Every structure is written in C-alpha cells, then in structure tokens.
Amino acid sequence: MKKSSMIEIIIYIVLIIFGLIALIFFKPKEIEFEIPKQFEIEYKEGVSMDDTLSNK
C-alpha cells in the first residue's frame, strides 16, 4: 500500500470517529416557534372518511 493512500485512510477514519462522537454528544438547542393561525387544522367530531373526501 502506498504511503499517501495509507494517510488518506487514516484521515477518513479520524473524520468518521469525530463524526460519531459529535452525533453522540451534540445536543441542539430547543427552538420554540409559533404556528400562525392560518395553518391550524380544524377538527370536526363525527365526520366519516367519506365526508372528508367528497366535494361539497
């Protein structure tokens, strides 16, 4: 094996190990956001699936 390809493999292994450590220990901040009222879903009780699919 060439020396340059061995160095490249070692670099890739180090990057993979660093990525795995980052996945385990990185805790993203929780972002709170408000959904505008126009995106709220209206819930109707007692509606069958046939009623929701028909065009009225």
Protein backbone atom coordinates (compact mmCIF):
# COMPACT_ATOMS: atom_id res chain seq x y z
CA MET A 1 0.00 0.00 0.00
CA LYS A 2 1.30 3.45 -0.87
CA LYS A 3 2.13 5.88 1.89
CA SER A 4 -0.27 8.53 0.50
CA SER A 5 -3.24 6.14 0.39
CA MET A 6 -2.50 5.00 3.96
CA ILE A 7 -2.51 8.63 5.14
CA GLU A 8 -5.80 9.20 3.31
CA ILE A 9 -7.38 6.16 5.01
CA ILE A 10 -6.20 7.38 8.43
CA ILE A 11 -7.71 10.82 7.76
CA TYR A 12 -11.04 9.25 6.79
CA ILE A 13 -11.05 7.09 9.93
CA VAL A 14 -10.35 10.14 12.11
CA LEU A 15 -13.20 12.05 10.42
CA ILE A 16 -15.60 9.15 10.94
CA ILE A 17 -14.66 8.84 14.62
CA PHE A 18 -15.05 12.61 15.08
CA GLY A 19 -18.48 12.47 13.39
CA LEU A 20 -19.66 9.62 15.62
CA ILE A 21 -18.52 11.46 18.75
CA ALA A 22 -20.31 14.61 17.55
CA LEU A 23 -23.53 12.64 16.96
CA ILE A 24 -23.40 11.17 20.46
CA PHE A 25 -22.53 14.31 22.43
CA PHE A 26 -24.05 17.18 20.41
CA LYS A 27 -27.31 18.39 21.96
CA PRO A 28 -29.04 21.02 19.80
CA LYS A 29 -30.87 23.88 21.49
CA GLU A 30 -34.64 23.62 21.52
CA ILE A 31 -36.20 26.29 19.36
CA GLU A 32 -39.73 27.38 20.21
CA PHE A 33 -41.79 28.76 17.37
CA GLU A 34 -45.42 29.69 16.98
CA ILE A 35 -47.54 28.41 14.12
CA PRO A 36 -49.71 31.13 12.57
CA LYS A 37 -53.47 30.65 12.98
CA GLN A 38 -53.98 30.13 9.24
CA PHE A 39 -52.08 26.83 9.47
CA GLU A 40 -54.16 25.34 12.28
CA ILE A 41 -56.11 22.21 11.40
CA GLU A 42 -59.81 22.23 12.16
CA TYR A 43 -61.00 19.10 13.91
CA LYS A 44 -64.59 18.02 13.37
CA GLU A 45 -66.07 15.30 15.53
CA GLY A 46 -68.24 12.61 14.00
CA VAL A 47 -67.06 13.01 10.41
CA SER A 48 -66.55 9.81 8.44
CA MET A 49 -63.80 9.42 5.85
CA ASP A 50 -66.35 9.54 3.01
CA ASP A 51 -67.48 13.01 4.07
CA THR A 52 -63.95 14.40 4.05
CA LEU A 53 -63.20 13.14 0.55
CA SER A 54 -66.38 14.35 -1.15
CA ASN A 55 -66.54 17.80 -2.74
CA LYS A 56 -69.40 19.85 -1.37
